């Protein structure tokens, strides 16, 4: 399986994402820059964390106009797995691939710590490697991770089981309903504030995030064997 790791001016978690795929997962990965006009040949797209375009105006608001976003939208429409982490999640919200918006953390401070997450839906292509209701530990590092949406959108997210991860025990940023990660209705686009790519090796503090990437590969291979 071949992954595209998207690099925007200001990305700083692209190396972590590349390491998770190439070294820990053992799959192919390439860095793809923001001005690229094709994602042909890639099976999954990863939008890493960081501060794309310096977070000017709003987080992700300028990155949404990058050339590569047209290709990412096409890939999402084609059903390819798209994962946006932290700033990547913010970009997916700005692009409209996911509903809702991101606000400043409730305490108005940058937060960098491990958090506990609850797997709310283990039937997505990103989460089949987890047990439903499983509690996992994943690090966060953000200043604007307070997820918000209106009442109708929240109802839709719940009805469609689009809430995939929620903060367990402590809500670090004030996100509505403790939301830490959501998918689109089709289930092939996931945005999450915690960093699974930083939790892929027990030597570095934990490997709970590796199950997410393994789930993507397993489900992609099973789908392509069926097609073949």
Protein backbone atom coordinates (compact mmCIF):
# COMPACT_ATOMS: atom_id res chain seq x y z
CA UNK A 1 0.00 0.00 0.00
CA UNK A 2 1.30 3.43 -0.91
CA UNK A 3 0.74 6.52 1.27
CA UNK A 4 1.08 10.19 0.34
CA UNK A 5 2.24 12.41 3.22
CA UNK A 6 1.18 15.94 2.33
CA UNK A 7 3.64 18.73 3.18
CA UNK A 8 2.46 22.33 3.53
CA UNK A 9 4.64 25.33 4.37
CA UNK A 10 4.71 25.08 8.17
CA UNK A 11 4.04 21.33 8.49
CA UNK A 12 6.14 19.88 11.30
CA UNK A 13 4.71 16.41 11.87
CA UNK A 14 5.31 15.11 8.35
CA UNK A 15 8.48 13.32 9.44
CA UNK A 16 6.62 11.59 12.27
CA UNK A 17 3.92 10.48 9.84
CA UNK A 18 6.49 9.22 7.32
CA UNK A 19 8.32 7.30 10.07
CA UNK A 20 5.09 5.67 11.24
CA UNK A 21 4.29 4.40 7.75
CA UNK A 22 7.75 3.55 6.44
CA UNK A 23 9.59 2.31 9.51
CA UNK A 24 6.89 1.05 11.88
CA UNK A 25 4.22 -0.12 9.44
CA UNK A 26 6.58 -1.23 6.68
CA UNK A 27 4.56 0.31 3.85
CA UNK A 28 5.52 2.73 1.07
CA UNK A 29 5.33 6.48 1.68
CA UNK A 30 6.28 9.64 -0.21
CA UNK A 31 6.31 13.30 0.75
CA UNK A 32 3.95 15.21 -1.54
CA UNK A 33 4.17 18.99 -1.54
CA UNK A 34 1.30 21.46 -1.39
CA UNK A 35 1.74 22.59 -5.00
CA UNK A 36 1.45 19.08 -6.45
CA UNK A 37 -1.29 18.60 -9.01
CA UNK A 38 -1.63 14.82 -8.96
CA UNK A 39 -2.06 12.09 -6.36
CA UNK A 40 -2.35 9.32 -8.93
CA UNK A 41 -0.83 6.07 -7.74
CA UNK A 42 -1.43 6.69 -4.03
CA UNK A 43 -3.81 4.51 -2.06
CA UNK A 44 -4.17 6.71 1.05
CA UNK A 45 -3.57 10.37 1.86
CA UNK A 46 -2.18 11.68 5.16
CA UNK A 47 -2.39 15.33 6.24
CA UNK A 48 0.02 15.85 9.16
CA UNK A 49 0.05 18.34 11.99
CA UNK A 50 1.93 21.61 12.22
CA UNK A 51 1.20 25.23 11.44
CA UNK A 52 0.38 25.35 7.73
CA UNK A 53 1.02 28.85 6.38
CA UNK A 54 1.73 30.00 9.92
CA UNK A 55 -1.94 29.53 10.91
CA UNK A 56 -2.62 32.97 9.44
CA UNK A 57 -6.29 34.02 9.43
CA UNK A 58 -7.39 30.67 10.92
CA UNK A 59 -5.84 27.25 11.27
CA UNK A 60 -6.03 25.54 7.88
CA UNK A 61 -7.77 28.44 6.16
CA UNK A 62 -4.99 29.14 3.64
CA UNK A 63 -3.93 25.52 3.13
CA UNK A 64 -7.41 24.74 1.82
CA UNK A 65 -6.55 26.73 -1.34
CA UNK A 66 -3.38 24.75 -2.12
CA UNK A 67 -3.24 22.96 -5.47
CA UNK A 68 -3.03 19.56 -3.82
CA UNK A 69 -6.38 20.02 -2.04
CA UNK A 70 -8.24 19.57 -5.34
CA UNK A 71 -6.63 16.17 -5.65
CA UNK A 72 -7.40 15.32 -2.02
CA UNK A 73 -11.07 16.13 -2.59
CA UNK A 74 -11.03 13.88 -5.68
CA UNK A 75 -9.40 11.09 -3.67
CA UNK A 76 -12.02 11.45 -0.93
CA UNK A 77 -14.83 11.30 -3.47
CA UNK A 78 -13.24 8.14 -4.92
CA UNK A 79 -13.38 6.50 -1.48
CA UNK A 80 -9.65 6.51 -0.71
CA UNK A 81 -8.67 6.70 2.98
CA UNK A 82 -7.88 10.28 4.03
CA UNK A 83 -6.46 10.95 7.50
CA UNK A 84 -5.98 14.46 8.86
CA UNK A 85 -4.23 14.81 12.22
CA UNK A 86 -4.22 18.03 14.29
CA UNK A 87 -3.57 20.75 11.67
CA UNK A 88 -4.58 18.17 9.07
CA UNK A 89 -7.96 17.87 10.81
CA UNK A 90 -8.28 21.65 10.82
CA UNK A 91 -7.56 21.73 7.07
CA UNK A 92 -10.22 19.06 6.39
CA UNK A 93 -12.75 21.18 8.31
CA UNK A 94 -11.86 24.31 6.35
CA UNK A 95 -12.09 22.39 3.07
CA UNK A 96 -15.56 21.08 3.97
CA UNK A 97 -14.57 17.42 3.79
CA UNK A 98 -15.61 17.22 7.45
CA UNK A 99 -18.33 19.21 9.24
CA UNK A 100 -17.82 21.65 12.09
CA UNK A 101 -15.11 24.10 13.11
CA UNK A 102 -12.15 24.37 15.45
CA UNK A 103 -11.94 26.97 18.23
CA UNK A 104 -9.17 27.99 20.60
CA UNK A 105 -8.66 25.66 23.54
CA UNK A 106 -11.03 26.50 26.35
CA UNK A 107 -8.16 27.51 28.66
CA UNK A 108 -6.63 29.63 25.85
CA UNK A 109 -3.31 27.78 26.23
CA UNK A 110 -1.29 25.43 24.04
CA UNK A 111 -1.61 21.88 25.42
CA UNK A 112 0.99 19.13 24.97
CA UNK A 113 0.33 15.92 26.90
CA UNK A 114 -0.85 12.34 26.68
CA UNK A 115 -4.62 11.89 26.78
CA UNK A 116 -6.93 8.93 27.02
CA UNK A 117 -9.34 8.31 24.17
CA UNK A 118 -12.36 6.06 23.94
CA UNK A 119 -12.99 4.24 20.67
CA UNK A 120 -16.62 5.10 19.95
CA UNK A 121 -16.88 3.28 16.63
CA UNK A 122 -14.61 0.38 15.70
CA UNK A 123 -16.40 -0.32 12.42
CA UNK A 124 -14.59 2.30 10.33
CA UNK A 125 -11.67 1.46 8.06
CA UNK A 126 -9.45 3.30 10.57
CA UNK A 127 -10.55 1.52 13.74
CA UNK A 128 -11.26 -2.16 13.10
CA UNK A 129 -8.04 -3.03 14.94
CA UNK A 130 -9.53 -1.71 18.18
CA UNK A 131 -12.24 -3.05 20.45
CA UNK A 132 -15.39 -0.97 20.66
CA UNK A 133 -15.13 1.12 23.81
CA UNK A 134 -11.38 0.46 24.11
CA UNK A 135 -9.43 3.11 26.03
CA UNK A 136 -6.18 4.11 24.36
CA UNK A 137 -3.44 6.63 25.13
CA UNK A 138 -2.42 9.11 22.41
CA UNK A 139 -0.53 12.42 22.71
CA UNK A 140 -1.98 15.83 21.82
CA UNK A 141 -0.19 19.08 20.96
CA UNK A 142 -2.42 21.97 19.94
CA UNK A 143 -3.70 25.43 20.76
CA UNK A 144 -6.87 25.24 18.72
CA UNK A 145 -8.39 21.82 19.26
CA UNK A 146 -11.76 22.79 20.68
CA UNK A 147 -14.13 21.10 18.22
CA UNK A 148 -17.50 22.77 17.74
CA UNK A 149 -20.56 22.19 15.59
CA UNK A 150 -24.22 23.22 15.67
CA UNK A 151 -27.00 21.12 17.17
CA UNK A 152 -28.17 19.65 13.85
CA UNK A 153 -24.64 18.64 12.85
CA UNK A 154 -24.02 17.04 16.25
CA UNK A 155 -27.24 15.05 15.93
CA UNK A 156 -26.18 13.87 12.47
CA UNK A 157 -22.72 12.89 13.71
CA UNK A 158 -24.29 10.77 16.43
CA UNK A 159 -26.96 9.21 14.23
CA UNK A 160 -24.43 8.22 11.58
CA UNK A 161 -21.83 7.00 14.10
CA UNK A 162 -19.34 9.54 12.75
CA UNK A 163 -17.86 10.24 16.19
CA UNK A 164 -14.94 7.83 16.22
CA UNK A 165 -12.84 8.98 19.17
CA UNK A 166 -13.80 10.91 22.30
CA UNK A 167 -11.71 12.17 25.20
CA UNK A 168 -12.05 9.91 28.22
CA UNK A 169 -11.87 11.19 31.77
CA UNK A 170 -10.55 14.68 31.05
CA UNK A 171 -11.61 16.90 28.15
CA UNK A 172 -8.38 18.87 27.55
CA UNK A 173 -9.68 21.55 25.20
CA UNK A 174 -13.44 21.95 25.71
CA UNK A 175 -14.57 20.09 22.58
CA UNK A 176 -18.32 19.59 22.38
CA UNK A 177 -19.35 16.12 23.60
CA UNK A 178 -15.65 15.38 24.28
CA UNK A 179 -15.14 14.82 20.54
CA UNK A 180 -11.55 13.98 19.55
CA UNK A 181 -12.09 12.54 16.06
CA UNK A 182 -14.83 12.29 13.43
CA UNK A 183 -15.36 10.83 9.97
CA UNK A 184 -17.36 11.95 6.98
CA UNK A 185 -20.65 10.15 6.26
CA UNK A 186 -18.96 7.75 3.86
CA UNK A 187 -16.43 6.81 6.54
CA UNK A 188 -13.26 7.19 4.45
CA UNK A 189 -12.17 10.60 5.78
CA UNK A 190 -11.03 10.82 9.42
CA UNK A 191 -9.98 13.95 11.25
CA UNK A 192 -8.58 13.78 14.76
CA UNK A 193 -6.67 16.16 17.04
CA UNK A 194 -4.56 13.54 18.90
CA UNK A 195 -1.41 12.28 17.13
CA UNK A 196 -1.52 8.49 16.45
CA UNK A 197 1.74 8.76 14.48
CA UNK A 198 3.48 9.68 17.74
CA UNK A 199 2.23 6.52 19.44
CA UNK A 200 3.60 3.77 17.22
CA UNK A 201 6.49 2.39 19.29
CA UNK A 202 6.44 1.24 22.92
CA UNK A 203 10.01 2.51 23.30
CA UNK A 204 8.68 6.03 22.74
CA UNK A 205 5.90 5.74 25.30
CA UNK A 206 3.22 3.62 23.64
CA UNK A 207 2.00 2.01 20.44
CA UNK A 208 -1.78 2.50 20.61
CA UNK A 209 -1.69 4.63 17.47
CA UNK A 210 -0.14 1.88 15.35
CA UNK A 211 -3.43 -0.03 15.36
CA UNK A 212 -5.03 2.82 13.42
CA UNK A 213 -2.51 2.58 10.59
CA UNK A 214 -2.67 -1.22 10.61
CA UNK A 215 -6.45 -0.98 10.30
CA UNK A 216 -6.13 1.18 7.18
CA UNK A 217 -3.77 -1.32 5.52
CA UNK A 218 -5.83 -4.38 6.49
CA UNK A 219 -9.09 -2.92 5.22
CA UNK A 220 -7.52 -1.59 2.03
CA UNK A 221 -6.00 -4.99 1.23
CA UNK A 222 -9.23 -6.84 1.93
CA UNK A 223 -11.19 -4.42 -0.28
CA UNK A 224 -8.72 -4.77 -3.14
CA UNK A 225 -8.62 -8.56 -2.92
CA UNK A 226 -12.40 -8.56 -3.27
CA UNK A 227 -12.20 -6.23 -6.29
CA UNK A 228 -9.54 -8.40 -7.89
